[in-house]
Structures are given as C-alpha cells and as structure tokens.
PDB file of N, CA and C in Angstrom:
ATOM      1  N   MET A   1       7.403  -9.635  94.687  1.00  0.00           N
ATOM      2  CA  MET A   1       6.187  -8.820  94.424  1.00  0.00           C
ATOM      3  C   MET A   1       5.427  -8.777  95.757  1.00  0.00           C
ATOM      4  N   SER A   2       5.532  -7.713  96.416  1.00  0.00           N
ATOM      5  CA  SER A   2       4.796  -7.577  97.658  1.00  0.00           C
ATOM      6  C   SER A   2       3.627  -6.612  97.462  1.00  0.00           C
ATOM      7  N   ALA A   3       2.791  -6.555  98.469  1.00  0.00           N
ATOM      8  CA  ALA A   3       1.635  -5.700  98.431  1.00  0.00           C
ATOM      9  C   ALA A   3       2.006  -4.224  98.366  1.00  0.00           C
ATOM     10  N   PRO A   4       1.344  -3.475  97.646  1.00  0.00           N
ATOM     11  CA  PRO A   4       1.672  -1.991  97.627  1.00  0.00           C
ATOM     12  C   PRO A   4       1.384  -1.404  98.923  1.00  0.00           C
ATOM     13  N   LEU A   5       2.166  -0.491  99.369  1.00  0.00           N
ATOM     14  CA  LEU A   5       2.061   0.122 100.745  1.00  0.00           C
ATOM     15  C   LEU A   5       1.115   1.342 100.673  1.00  0.00           C
ATOM     16  N   SER A   6       0.063   1.370 101.396  1.00  0.00           N
ATOM     17  CA  SER A   6      -0.868   2.494 101.427  1.00  0.00           C
ATOM     18  C   SER A   6      -1.554   2.502 102.808  1.00  0.00           C
ATOM     19  N   ALA A   7      -1.985   3.692 103.175  1.00  0.00           N
ATOM     20  CA  ALA A   7      -2.623   3.902 104.474  1.00  0.00           C
ATOM     21  C   ALA A   7      -3.996   3.216 104.492  1.00  0.00           C
ATOM     22  N   ASP A   8      -4.689   3.294 103.336  1.00  0.00           N
ATOM     23  CA  ASP A   8      -6.031   2.701 103.224  1.00  0.00           C
ATOM     24  C   ASP A   8      -5.965   1.417 102.399  1.00  0.00           C
ATOM     25  N   LEU A   9      -5.359   0.369 102.883  1.00  0.00           N
ATOM     26  CA  LEU A   9      -5.214  -0.819 102.168  1.00  0.00           C
ATOM     27  C   LEU A   9      -5.632  -1.982 103.042  1.00  0.00           C
ATOM     28  N   ALA A  10      -6.592  -2.776 102.618  1.00  0.00           N
ATOM     29  CA  ALA A  10      -7.019  -3.940 103.320  1.00  0.00           C
ATOM     30  C   ALA A  10      -6.316  -5.151 102.618  1.00  0.00           C
ATOM     31  N   GLN A  11      -5.885  -6.146 103.380  1.00  0.00           N
ATOM     32  CA  GLN A  11      -5.236  -7.300 102.850  1.00  0.00           C
ATOM     33  C   GLN A  11      -5.885  -8.625 103.241  1.00  0.00           C
ATOM     34  N   ILE A  12      -5.930  -9.476 102.215  1.00  0.00           N
ATOM     35  CA  ILE A  12      -6.420 -10.848 102.466  1.00  0.00           C
ATOM     36  C   ILE A  12      -5.237 -11.741 102.257  1.00  0.00           C
ATOM     37  N   GLY A  13      -4.740 -12.438 103.317  1.00  0.00           N
ATOM     38  CA  GLY A  13      -3.544 -13.269 103.203  1.00  0.00           C
ATOM     39  C   GLY A  13      -3.708 -14.551 102.504  1.00  0.00           C
ATOM     40  N   LYS A  14      -2.580 -15.224 102.242  1.00  0.00           N
ATOM     41  CA  LYS A  14      -2.535 -16.484 101.478  1.00  0.00           C
ATOM     42  C   LYS A  14      -3.437 -17.545 102.045  1.00  0.00           C
ATOM     43  N   SER A  15      -3.574 -17.704 103.377  1.00  0.00           N
ATOM     44  CA  SER A  15      -4.283 -18.742 103.930  1.00  0.00           C
ATOM     45  C   SER A  15      -5.756 -18.479 104.170  1.00  0.00           C
ATOM     46  N   VAL A  16      -6.226 -17.289 103.772  1.00  0.00           N
ATOM     47  CA  VAL A  16      -7.631 -16.856 104.042  1.00  0.00           C
ATOM     48  C   VAL A  16      -8.538 -17.208 102.895  1.00  0.00           C
ATOM     49  N   VAL A  17      -9.674 -17.842 103.213  1.00  0.00           N
ATOM     50  CA  VAL A  17     -10.655 -18.193 102.184  1.00  0.00           C
ATOM     51  C   VAL A  17     -11.962 -17.461 102.509  1.00  0.00           C
ATOM     52  N   ILE A  18     -12.484 -16.732 101.588  1.00  0.00           N
ATOM     53  CA  ILE A  18     -13.768 -15.949 101.801  1.00  0.00           C
ATOM     54  C   ILE A  18     -14.780 -16.388 100.731  1.00  0.00           C
ATOM     55  N   LYS A  19     -16.003 -16.643 101.203  1.00  0.00           N
ATOM     56  CA  LYS A  19     -17.102 -16.971 100.287  1.00  0.00           C
ATOM     57  C   LYS A  19     -18.238 -15.992 100.606  1.00  0.00           C
ATOM     58  N   GLY A  20     -18.659 -15.246  99.605  1.00  0.00           N
ATOM     59  CA  GLY A  20     -19.744 -14.298  99.807  1.00  0.00           C
ATOM     60  C   GLY A  20     -19.437 -12.948  99.091  1.00  0.00           C
ATOM     61  N   GLU A  21     -20.126 -11.903  99.625  1.00  0.00           N
ATOM     62  CA  GLU A  21     -19.917 -10.570  99.005  1.00  0.00           C
ATOM     63  C   GLU A  21     -18.920  -9.719  99.762  1.00  0.00           C
ATOM     64  N   LEU A  22     -18.012  -9.114  99.037  1.00  0.00           N
ATOM     65  CA  LEU A  22     -17.049  -8.255  99.566  1.00  0.00           C
ATOM     66  C   LEU A  22     -17.234  -6.904  99.065  1.00  0.00           C
ATOM     67  N   SER A  23     -17.301  -5.907  99.923  1.00  0.00           N
ATOM     68  CA  SER A  23     -17.439  -4.507  99.448  1.00  0.00           C
ATOM     69  C   SER A  23     -16.714  -3.635 100.462  1.00  0.00           C
ATOM     70  N   GLY A  24     -16.327  -2.485  99.983  1.00  0.00           N
ATOM     71  CA  GLY A  24     -15.516  -1.585 100.845  1.00  0.00           C
ATOM     72  C   GLY A  24     -15.214  -0.232 100.200  1.00  0.00           C
ATOM     73  N   SER A  25     -14.670   0.680 101.027  1.00  0.00           N
ATOM     74  CA  SER A  25     -14.283   1.924 100.499  1.00  0.00           C
ATOM     75  C   SER A  25     -12.703   2.227 100.716  1.00  0.00           C
ATOM     76  N   GLU A  26     -11.988   1.099 100.597  1.00  0.00           N
ATOM     77  CA  GLU A  26     -10.504   1.260 100.577  1.00  0.00           C
ATOM     78  C   GLU A  26      -9.943   0.272  99.627  1.00  0.00           C
ATOM     79  N   ASP A  27      -8.706   0.403  99.219  1.00  0.00           N
ATOM     80  CA  ASP A  27      -8.032  -0.495  98.307  1.00  0.00           C
ATOM     81  C   ASP A  27      -7.964  -1.918  98.937  1.00  0.00           C
ATOM     82  N   LEU A  28      -8.002  -2.906  98.128  1.00  0.00           N
ATOM     83  CA  LEU A  28      -7.948  -4.248  98.618  1.00  0.00           C
ATOM     84  C   LEU A  28      -6.874  -5.098  97.916  1.00  0.00           C
ATOM     85  N   TYR A  29      -6.077  -5.838  98.692  1.00  0.00           N
ATOM     86  CA  TYR A  29      -5.026  -6.696  98.139  1.00  0.00           C
ATOM     87  C   TYR A  29      -5.424  -8.162  98.545  1.00  0.00           C
ATOM     88  N   VAL A  30      -5.637  -8.965  97.568  1.00  0.00           N
ATOM     89  CA  VAL A  30      -6.072 -10.324  97.778  1.00  0.00           C
ATOM     90  C   VAL A  30      -4.941 -11.279  97.388  1.00  0.00           C
ATOM     91  N   ASP A  31      -4.469 -12.047  98.368  1.00  0.00           N
ATOM     92  CA  ASP A  31      -3.448 -13.045  98.085  1.00  0.00           C
ATOM     93  C   ASP A  31      -3.993 -14.432  98.446  1.00  0.00           C
ATOM     94  N   GLY A  32      -5.247 -14.462  98.908  1.00  0.00           N
ATOM     95  CA  GLY A  32      -5.902 -15.742  99.325  1.00  0.00           C
ATOM     96  C   GLY A  32      -6.967 -16.115  98.285  1.00  0.00           C
ATOM     97  N   GLN A  33      -8.033 -16.748  98.777  1.00  0.00           N
ATOM     98  CA  GLN A  33      -9.064 -17.158  97.865  1.00  0.00           C
ATOM     99  C   GLN A  33     -10.393 -16.473  98.184  1.00  0.00           C
ATOM    100  N   VAL A  34     -11.047 -15.989  97.197  1.00  0.00           N
ATOM    101  CA  VAL A  34     -12.295 -15.274  97.312  1.00  0.00           C
ATOM    102  C   VAL A  34     -13.294 -15.829  96.308  1.00  0.00           C
ATOM    103  N   GLU A  35     -14.527 -16.216  96.798  1.00  0.00           N
ATOM    104  CA  GLU A  35     -15.636 -16.682  95.854  1.00  0.00           C
ATOM    105  C   GLU A  35     -16.808 -15.800  96.121  1.00  0.00           C
ATOM    106  N   GLY A  36     -17.458 -15.327  95.115  1.00  0.00           N
ATOM    107  CA  GLY A  36     -18.685 -14.438  95.287  1.00  0.00           C
ATOM    108  C   GLY A  36     -18.651 -13.238  94.389  1.00  0.00           C
ATOM    109  N   SER A  37     -18.669 -12.058  95.093  1.00  0.00           N
ATOM    110  CA  SER A  37     -18.528 -10.835  94.340  1.00  0.00           C
ATOM    111  C   SER A  37     -17.702  -9.852  95.159  1.00  0.00           C
ATOM    112  N   ILE A  38     -17.021  -8.953  94.401  1.00  0.00           N
ATOM    113  CA  ILE A  38     -16.247  -7.884  95.040  1.00  0.00           C
ATOM    114  C   ILE A  38     -16.634  -6.560  94.420  1.00  0.00           C
ATOM    115  N   ALA A  39     -17.039  -5.628  95.330  1.00  0.00           N
ATOM    116  CA  ALA A  39     -17.465  -4.295  94.845  1.00  0.00           C
ATOM    117  C   ALA A  39     -16.656  -3.208  95.606  1.00  0.00           C
ATOM    118  N   LEU A  40     -15.799  -2.591  94.880  1.00  0.00           N
ATOM    119  CA  LEU A  40     -14.988  -1.523  95.429  1.00  0.00           C
ATOM    120  C   LEU A  40     -15.048  -0.375  94.386  1.00  0.00           C
ATOM    121  N   LYS A  41     -16.202   0.254  94.307  1.00  0.00           N
ATOM    122  CA  LYS A  41     -16.510   1.202  93.222  1.00  0.00           C
ATOM    123  C   LYS A  41     -15.511   2.317  93.078  1.00  0.00           C
ATOM    124  N   GLY A  42     -15.027   2.931  94.214  1.00  0.00           N
ATOM    125  CA  GLY A  42     -14.097   4.012  94.029  1.00  0.00           C
ATOM    126  C   GLY A  42     -12.671   3.645  94.387  1.00  0.00           C
ATOM    127  N   ASN A  43     -12.395   2.365  94.457  1.00  0.00           N
ATOM    128  CA  ASN A  43     -11.075   1.938  94.897  1.00  0.00           C
ATOM    129  C   ASN A  43     -10.472   0.826  94.033  1.00  0.00           C
ATOM    130  N   ALA A  44      -9.256   0.433  94.344  1.00  0.00           N
ATOM    131  CA  ALA A  44      -8.546  -0.481  93.542  1.00  0.00           C
ATOM    132  C   ALA A  44      -8.513  -1.908  94.159  1.00  0.00           C
ATOM    133  N   LEU A  45      -8.486  -2.870  93.264  1.00  0.00           N
ATOM    134  CA  LEU A  45      -8.352  -4.260  93.753  1.00  0.00           C
ATOM    135  C   LEU A  45      -7.135  -4.797  93.106  1.00  0.00           C
ATOM    136  N   THR A  46      -6.216  -5.388  93.902  1.00  0.00           N
ATOM    137  CA  THR A  46      -5.048  -6.088  93.504  1.00  0.00           C
ATOM    138  C   THR A  46      -5.130  -7.554  93.841  1.00  0.00           C
ATOM    139  N   ILE A  47      -4.997  -8.431  92.863  1.00  0.00           N
ATOM    140  CA  ILE A  47      -4.974  -9.817  93.118  1.00  0.00           C
ATOM    141  C   ILE A  47      -3.512 -10.266  93.054  1.00  0.00           C
ATOM    142  N   GLY A  48      -2.967 -10.639  94.208  1.00  0.00           N
ATOM    143  CA  GLY A  48      -1.516 -11.047  94.314  1.00  0.00           C
ATOM    144  C   GLY A  48      -1.217 -12.291  93.506  1.00  0.00           C
ATOM    145  N   PRO A  49       0.017 -12.604  93.488  1.00  0.00           N
ATOM    146  CA  PRO A  49       0.531 -13.801  92.719  1.00  0.00           C
ATOM    147  C   PRO A  49      -0.057 -15.146  93.231  1.00  0.00           C
ATOM    148  N   ASN A  50      -0.458 -15.179  94.507  1.00  0.00           N
ATOM    149  CA  ASN A  50      -1.071 -16.360  95.075  1.00  0.00           C
ATOM    150  C   ASN A  50      -2.549 -16.301  95.096  1.00  0.00           C
ATOM    151  N   GLY A  51      -3.143 -15.194  94.720  1.00  0.00           N
ATOM    152  CA  GLY A  51      -4.537 -14.982  94.766  1.00  0.00           C
ATOM    153  C   GLY A  51      -5.350 -15.794  93.750  1.00  0.00           C
ATOM    154  N   GLN A  52      -6.447 -16.356  94.326  1.00  0.00           N
ATOM    155  CA  GLN A  52      -7.368 -17.102  93.412  1.00  0.00           C
ATOM    156  C   GLN A  52      -8.808 -16.592  93.646  1.00  0.00           C
ATOM    157  N   VAL A  53      -9.336 -15.848  92.667  1.00  0.00           N
ATOM    158  CA  VAL A  53     -10.602 -15.173  92.828  1.00  0.00           C
ATOM    159  C   VAL A  53     -11.655 -15.744  91.815  1.00  0.00           C
ATOM    160  N   LYS A  54     -12.762 -16.230  92.360  1.00  0.00           N
ATOM    161  CA  LYS A  54     -13.845 -16.652  91.502  1.00  0.00           C
ATOM    162  C   LYS A  54     -15.019 -15.693  91.841  1.00  0.00           C
ATOM    163  N   ALA A  55     -15.103 -14.582  91.220  1.00  0.00           N
ATOM    164  CA  ALA A  55     -16.040 -13.569  91.587  1.00  0.00           C
ATOM    165  C   ALA A  55     -16.256 -12.592  90.433  1.00  0.00           C
ATOM    166  N   SER A  56     -17.408 -11.918  90.477  1.00  0.00           N
ATOM    167  CA  SER A  56     -17.584 -10.813  89.627  1.00  0.00           C
ATOM    168  C   SER A  56     -16.961  -9.568  90.355  1.00  0.00           C
ATOM    169  N   VAL A  57     -16.256  -8.745  89.590  1.00  0.00           N
ATOM    170  CA  VAL A  57     -15.487  -7.690  90.214  1.00  0.00           C
ATOM    171  C   VAL A  57     -15.927  -6.312  89.654  1.00  0.00           C
ATOM    172  N   GLU A  58     -16.168  -5.345  90.539  1.00  0.00           N
ATOM    173  CA  GLU A  58     -16.456  -4.020  90.158  1.00  0.00           C
ATOM    174  C   GLU A  58     -15.586  -3.085  90.992  1.00  0.00           C
ATOM    175  N   ALA A  59     -14.642  -2.378  90.397  1.00  0.00           N
ATOM    176  CA  ALA A  59     -13.729  -1.529  91.096  1.00  0.00           C
ATOM    177  C   ALA A  59     -13.289  -0.381  90.130  1.00  0.00           C
ATOM    178  N   LYS A  60     -12.544   0.547  90.749  1.00  0.00           N
ATOM    179  CA  LYS A  60     -12.009   1.617  89.923  1.00  0.00           C
ATOM    180  C   LYS A  60     -10.823   1.160  89.069  1.00  0.00           C
ATOM    181  N   GLY A  61      -9.950   0.398  89.794  1.00  0.00           N
ATOM    182  CA  GLY A  61      -8.854  -0.128  89.088  1.00  0.00           C
ATOM    183  C   GLY A  61      -8.558  -1.569  89.498  1.00  0.00           C
ATOM    184  N   VAL A  62      -8.132  -2.422  88.634  1.00  0.00           N
ATOM    185  CA  VAL A  62      -7.857  -3.794  88.930  1.00  0.00           C
ATOM    186  C   VAL A  62      -6.459  -4.234  88.395  1.00  0.00           C
ATOM    187  N   ILE A  63      -5.681  -4.767  89.298  1.00  0.00           N
ATOM    188  CA  ILE A  63      -4.378  -5.335  88.910  1.00  0.00           C
ATOM    189  C   ILE A  63      -4.444  -6.846  89.187  1.00  0.00           C
ATOM    190  N   VAL A  64      -4.097  -7.609  88.199  1.00  0.00           N
ATOM    191  CA  VAL A  64      -4.210  -9.123  88.379  1.00  0.00           C
ATOM    192  C   VAL A  64      -2.781  -9.705  88.225  1.00  0.00           C
ATOM    193  N   GLN A  65      -2.334 -10.422  89.260  1.00  0.00           N
ATOM    194  CA  GLN A  65      -1.048 -11.119  89.173  1.00  0.00           C
ATOM    195  C   GLN A  65      -1.312 -12.629  89.330  1.00  0.00           C
ATOM    196  N   GLY A  66      -2.466 -13.000  89.897  1.00  0.00           N
ATOM    197  CA  GLY A  66      -2.827 -14.343  90.089  1.00  0.00           C
ATOM    198  C   GLY A  66      -3.897 -14.835  89.189  1.00  0.00           C
ATOM    199  N   LYS A  67      -4.922 -15.564  89.733  1.00  0.00           N
ATOM    200  CA  LYS A  67      -5.959 -16.133  88.890  1.00  0.00           C
ATOM    201  C   LYS A  67      -7.314 -15.494  89.230  1.00  0.00           C
ATOM    202  N   LEU A  68      -8.054 -15.102  88.168  1.00  0.00           N
ATOM    203  CA  LEU A  68      -9.340 -14.540  88.310  1.00  0.00           C
ATOM    204  C   LEU A  68     -10.308 -15.220  87.344  1.00  0.00           C
ATOM    205  N   ASP A  69     -11.347 -15.777  87.883  1.00  0.00           N
ATOM    206  CA  ASP A  69     -12.448 -16.386  87.136  1.00  0.00           C
ATOM    207  C   ASP A  69     -13.741 -15.498  87.391  1.00  0.00           C
ATOM    208  N   GLY A  70     -14.141 -14.717  86.414  1.00  0.00           N
ATOM    209  CA  GLY A  70     -15.306 -13.873  86.585  1.00  0.00           C
ATOM    210  C   GLY A  70     -15.109 -12.559  85.733  1.00  0.00           C
ATOM    211  N   ASN A  71     -16.198 -11.877  85.596  1.00  0.00           N
ATOM    212  CA  ASN A  71     -16.254 -10.653  84.786  1.00  0.00           C
ATOM    213  C   ASN A  71     -15.753  -9.484  85.618  1.00  0.00           C
ATOM    214  N   VAL A  72     -15.058  -8.513  84.948  1.00  0.00           N
ATOM    215  CA  VAL A  72     -14.532  -7.392  85.582  1.00  0.00           C
ATOM    216  C   VAL A  72     -15.157  -6.121  84.978  1.00  0.00           C
ATOM    217  N   ILE A  73     -15.579  -5.199  85.797  1.00  0.00           N
ATOM    218  CA  ILE A  73     -15.980  -3.838  85.397  1.00  0.00           C
ATOM    219  C   ILE A  73     -15.140  -2.919  86.192  1.00  0.00           C
ATOM    220  N   ALA A  74     -14.291  -2.176  85.458  1.00  0.00           N
ATOM    221  CA  ALA A  74     -13.369  -1.235  86.041  1.00  0.00           C
ATOM    222  C   ALA A  74     -13.662   0.170  85.505  1.00  0.00           C
ATOM    223  N   SER A  75     -13.939   1.145  86.325  1.00  0.00           N
ATOM    224  CA  SER A  75     -14.234   2.446  85.819  1.00  0.00           C
ATOM    225  C   SER A  75     -12.993   3.199  85.239  1.00  0.00           C
ATOM    226  N   ASP A  76     -11.808   2.770  85.684  1.00  0.00           N
ATOM    227  CA  ASP A  76     -10.629   3.472  85.208  1.00  0.00           C
ATOM    228  C   ASP A  76      -9.694   2.522  84.408  1.00  0.00           C
ATOM    229  N   ARG A  77      -9.066   1.494  85.086  1.00  0.00           N
ATOM    230  CA  ARG A  77      -7.974   0.773  84.396  1.00  0.00           C
ATOM    231  C   ARG A  77      -7.902  -0.665  84.875  1.00  0.00           C
ATOM    232  N   VAL A  78      -7.540  -1.612  83.967  1.00  0.00           N
ATOM    233  CA  VAL A  78      -7.249  -2.980  84.321  1.00  0.00           C
ATOM    234  C   VAL A  78      -5.838  -3.267  83.847  1.00  0.00           C
ATOM    235  N   GLU A  79      -5.121  -3.930  84.704  1.00  0.00           N
ATOM    236  CA  GLU A  79      -3.693  -4.269  84.383  1.00  0.00           C
ATOM    237  C   GLU A  79      -3.485  -5.821  84.580  1.00  0.00           C
ATOM    238  N   LEU A  80      -3.133  -6.511  83.601  1.00  0.00           N
ATOM    239  CA  LEU A  80      -2.904  -7.913  83.707  1.00  0.00           C
ATOM    240  C   LEU A  80      -1.304  -8.123  83.670  1.00  0.00           C
ATOM    241  N   ARG A  81      -0.757  -8.543  84.789  1.00  0.00           N
ATOM    242  CA  ARG A  81       0.680  -8.765  84.816  1.00  0.00           C
ATOM    243  C   ARG A  81       0.951 -10.160  84.180  1.00  0.00           C
ATOM    244  N   ARG A  82       2.275 -10.389  83.947  1.00  0.00           N
ATOM    245  CA  ARG A  82       2.632 -11.591  83.185  1.00  0.00           C
ATOM    246  C   ARG A  82       2.201 -12.888  83.812  1.00  0.00           C
ATOM    247  N   SER A  83       2.000 -12.958  85.130  1.00  0.00           N
ATOM    248  CA  SER A  83       1.629 -14.197  85.784  1.00  0.00           C
ATOM    249  C   SER A  83       0.062 -14.359  85.891  1.00  0.00           C
ATOM    250  N   ALA A  84      -0.683 -13.392  85.271  1.00  0.00           N
ATOM    251  CA  ALA A  84      -2.148 -13.357  85.384  1.00  0.00           C
ATOM    252  C   ALA A  84      -2.819 -14.420  84.519  1.00  0.00           C
ATOM    253  N   VAL A  85      -3.868 -15.033  85.101  1.00  0.00           N
ATOM    254  CA  VAL A  85      -4.717 -15.950  84.350  1.00  0.00           C
ATOM    255  C   VAL A  85      -6.168 -15.447  84.588  1.00  0.00           C
ATOM    256  N   VAL A  86      -6.813 -14.966  83.550  1.00  0.00           N
ATOM    257  CA  VAL A  86      -8.122 -14.439  83.645  1.00  0.00           C
ATOM    258  C   VAL A  86      -9.084 -15.092  82.717  1.00  0.00           C
ATOM    259  N   ASN A  87     -10.222 -15.635  83.255  1.00  0.00           N
ATOM    260  CA  ASN A  87     -11.265 -16.211  82.459  1.00  0.00           C
ATOM    261  C   ASN A  87     -12.505 -15.348  82.753  1.00  0.00           C
ATOM    262  N   GLY A  88     -12.828 -14.548  81.740  1.00  0.00           N
ATOM    263  CA  GLY A  88     -14.058 -13.657  81.934  1.00  0.00           C
ATOM    264  C   GLY A  88     -13.879 -12.433  81.113  1.00  0.00           C
ATOM    265  N   ASP A  89     -14.964 -11.678  81.031  1.00  0.00           N
ATOM    266  CA  ASP A  89     -15.076 -10.498  80.170  1.00  0.00           C
ATOM    267  C   ASP A  89     -14.582  -9.324  81.001  1.00  0.00           C
ATOM    268  N   ILE A  90     -13.995  -8.335  80.311  1.00  0.00           N
ATOM    269  CA  ILE A  90     -13.472  -7.112  80.975  1.00  0.00           C
ATOM    270  C   ILE A  90     -14.052  -5.859  80.292  1.00  0.00           C
ATOM    271  N   ALA A  91     -14.646  -4.974  81.102  1.00  0.00           N
ATOM    272  CA  ALA A  91     -15.118  -3.696  80.604  1.00  0.00           C
ATOM    273  C   ALA A  91     -14.411  -2.624  81.401  1.00  0.00           C
ATOM    274  N   THR A  92     -13.672  -1.740  80.627  1.00  0.00           N
ATOM    275  CA  THR A  92     -12.879  -0.721  81.291  1.00  0.00           C
ATOM    276  C   THR A  92     -12.587   0.460  80.296  1.00  0.00           C
ATOM    277  N   GLN A  93     -11.996   1.478  80.822  1.00  0.00           N
ATOM    278  CA  GLN A  93     -11.599   2.598  79.937  1.00  0.00           C
ATOM    279  C   GLN A  93     -10.186   2.323  79.341  1.00  0.00           C
ATOM    280  N   ARG A  94      -9.306   1.812  80.204  1.00  0.00           N
ATOM    281  CA  ARG A  94      -7.923   1.515  79.753  1.00  0.00           C
ATOM    282  C   ARG A  94      -7.495   0.151  80.222  1.00  0.00           C
ATOM    283  N   ILE A  95      -6.677  -0.549  79.440  1.00  0.00           N
ATOM    284  CA  ILE A  95      -6.200  -1.865  79.752  1.00  0.00           C
ATOM    285  C   ILE A  95      -4.684  -1.961  79.431  1.00  0.00           C
ATOM    286  N   ALA A  96      -4.025  -2.724  80.290  1.00  0.00           N
ATOM    287  CA  ALA A  96      -2.595  -3.006  79.969  1.00  0.00           C
ATOM    288  C   ALA A  96      -2.431  -4.547  80.187  1.00  0.00           C
ATOM    289  N   ILE A  97      -1.811  -5.182  79.223  1.00  0.00           N
ATOM    290  CA  ILE A  97      -1.663  -6.624  79.269  1.00  0.00           C
ATOM    291  C   ILE A  97      -0.187  -6.943  79.025  1.00  0.00           C
ATOM    292  N   GLU A  98       0.520  -7.456  80.031  1.00  0.00           N
ATOM    293  CA  GLU A  98       1.921  -7.799  79.879  1.00  0.00           C
ATOM    294  C   GLU A  98       2.078  -9.065  79.068  1.00  0.00           C
ATOM    295  N   GLU A  99       3.195  -9.195  78.408  1.00  0.00           N
ATOM    296  CA  GLU A  99       3.480 -10.440  77.629  1.00  0.00           C
ATOM    297  C   GLU A  99       3.523 -11.590  78.625  1.00  0.00           C
ATOM    298  N   GLY A 100       2.850 -12.680  78.282  1.00  0.00           N
ATOM    299  CA  GLY A 100       2.820 -13.852  79.125  1.00  0.00           C
ATOM    300  C   GLY A 100       1.435 -14.006  79.897  1.00  0.00           C
ATOM    301  N   ALA A 101       0.666 -12.911  79.988  1.00  0.00           N
ATOM    302  CA  ALA A 101      -0.571 -12.983  80.633  1.00  0.00           C
ATOM    303  C   ALA A 101      -1.598 -13.721  79.862  1.00  0.00           C
ATOM    304  N   PHE A 102      -2.534 -14.457  80.493  1.00  0.00           N
ATOM    305  CA  PHE A 102      -3.515 -15.236  79.791  1.00  0.00           C
ATOM    306  C   PHE A 102      -4.889 -14.625  80.088  1.00  0.00           C
ATOM    307  N   LEU A 103      -5.629 -14.359  78.949  1.00  0.00           N
ATOM    308  CA  LEU A 103      -7.012 -13.844  78.996  1.00  0.00           C
ATOM    309  C   LEU A 103      -7.895 -14.644  78.084  1.00  0.00           C
ATOM    310  N   LYS A 104      -8.959 -15.194  78.658  1.00  0.00           N
ATOM    311  CA  LYS A 104      -9.970 -15.845  77.883  1.00  0.00           C
ATOM    312  C   LYS A 104     -11.320 -15.125  78.113  1.00  0.00           C
ATOM    313  N   GLY A 105     -11.769 -14.333  77.179  1.00  0.00           N
ATOM    314  CA  GLY A 105     -12.909 -13.467  77.344  1.00  0.00           C
ATOM    315  C   GLY A 105     -12.826 -12.332  76.398  1.00  0.00           C
ATOM    316  N   LYS A 106     -13.827 -11.484  76.467  1.00  0.00           N
ATOM    317  CA  LYS A 106     -13.804 -10.293  75.618  1.00  0.00           C
ATOM    318  C   LYS A 106     -13.385  -9.034  76.447  1.00  0.00           C
ATOM    319  N   VAL A 107     -12.847  -8.066  75.695  1.00  0.00           N
ATOM    320  CA  VAL A 107     -12.487  -6.833  76.272  1.00  0.00           C
ATOM    321  C   VAL A 107     -13.366  -5.746  75.653  1.00  0.00           C
ATOM    322  N   ASP A 108     -14.006  -4.930  76.513  1.00  0.00           N
ATOM    323  CA  ASP A 108     -14.826  -3.811  75.975  1.00  0.00           C
ATOM    324  C   ASP A 108     -14.235  -2.545  76.543  1.00  0.00           C
ATOM    325  N   ILE A 109     -13.622  -1.784  75.678  1.00  0.00           N
ATOM    326  CA  ILE A 109     -13.065  -0.483  76.018  1.00  0.00           C
ATOM    327  C   ILE A 109     -14.133   0.559  75.940  1.00  0.00           C
ATOM    328  N   GLN A 110     -14.409   1.207  77.045  1.00  0.00           N
ATOM    329  CA  GLN A 110     -15.524   2.133  77.103  1.00  0.00           C
ATOM    330  C   GLN A 110     -14.977   3.594  77.154  1.00  0.00           C
ATOM    331  N   GLY A 111     -15.492   4.434  76.329  1.00  0.00           N
ATOM    332  CA  GLY A 111     -15.075   5.817  76.351  1.00  0.00           C
ATOM    333  C   GLY A 111     -15.833   6.561  77.509  1.00  0.00           C
ATOM    334  N   LYS A 112     -15.462   7.749  77.795  1.00  0.00           N
ATOM    335  CA  LYS A 112     -16.028   8.550  78.870  1.00  0.00           C
ATOM    336  C   LYS A 112     -17.569   8.776  78.554  1.00  0.00           C
ATOM    337  N   ALA A 113     -17.849   8.995  77.338  1.00  0.00           N
ATOM    338  CA  ALA A 113     -19.263   9.268  76.878  1.00  0.00           C
ATOM    339  C   ALA A 113     -20.161   8.037  77.271  1.00  0.00           C
ATOM    340  N   GLU A 114     -19.607   6.850  76.974  1.00  0.00           N
ATOM    341  CA  GLU A 114     -20.386   5.627  77.219  1.00  0.00           C
ATOM    342  C   GLU A 114     -20.539   5.423  78.674  1.00  0.00           C
ATOM    343  N   LYS A 115     -19.540   5.737  79.512  1.00  0.00           N
ATOM    344  CA  LYS A 115     -19.570   5.621  80.944  1.00  0.00           C
ATOM    345  C   LYS A 115     -20.640   6.570  81.446  1.00  0.00           C
ATOM    346  N   ALA A 116     -20.652   7.812  81.061  1.00  0.00           N
ATOM    347  CA  ALA A 116     -21.598   8.816  81.551  1.00  0.00           C
ATOM    348  C   ALA A 116     -23.037   8.434  81.176  1.00  0.00           C
ATOM    349  N   ALA A 117     -23.258   7.887  79.923  1.00  0.00           N
ATOM    350  CA  ALA A 117     -24.564   7.454  79.505  1.00  0.00           C
ATOM    351  C   ALA A 117     -25.006   6.298  80.296  1.00  0.00           C
ATOM    352  N   GLY A 118     -24.160   5.442  80.758  1.00  0.00           N
ATOM    353  CA  GLY A 118     -24.536   4.229  81.477  1.00  0.00           C
ATOM    354  C   GLY A 118     -25.021   4.563  82.915  1.00  0.00           C
ATOM    355  N   LYS A 119     -24.664   5.751  83.430  1.00  0.00           N
ATOM    356  CA  LYS A 119     -25.026   6.090  84.815  1.00  0.00           C
ATOM    357  C   LYS A 119     -26.517   6.610  84.869  1.00  0.00           C
TER     358      LYS A 119
END
C-alpha cells in the first residue's frame, strides 16, 4: 500500500513527528505521527498504514489505514480500510468501512441540506 500519486500531494514520512496545527490546500498523505489539528477543507487526507494521528480532522475526504484518535468532519467521504483504528466521532455525507476496521465513536451522516444549513 503506497501513497497515491498526485501532482498536488504533500507527504509526511514514517519518521516525521509533528505537533501543532496543520493546514493546506493540497492533498496530504500522513505515514508518520501528527498531534494537534489538521484542516484541509477542500482536499483529501490519507493516513497511511504506519500513520498515527491524534488530532481533530477537517477535510473533503479522509482515508484511514493507520490509527486516528480524534473527531473527523469530512464534507464528502470517509473511508476506513481494514487496518484502520479510529477513536472519535465522524461527521460526513458518505462513509465506507471495510471488514476488520475498528471504530469507537458515533457516525453522523449529513445530507446536502444539513451541510448547506450549517454554512
């Protein structure tokens, strides 16, 4: 399972540890450790199989293969792969959970009307 290839993709490697606020306007692939918050409103966040994230996450799309402790707000889609371990609440329009993924928290599926009213 390697990082998806894209022209606008930032990567955080296995040995990198970040503490604080992360924000950006490109897709982000995390295979290291992040503590704090991640804001990628119009872009996707992928947490790789070695990724360990303790943060509140706000992004367009979120794919989790590693470990995530924190709440997720995704404007489009959340995908939990079989190796995912998620502790926290998820708010999104669409969600996919593979067999074997672990989720402890609540899932709030929001319709387009709810999203528009929230803005």
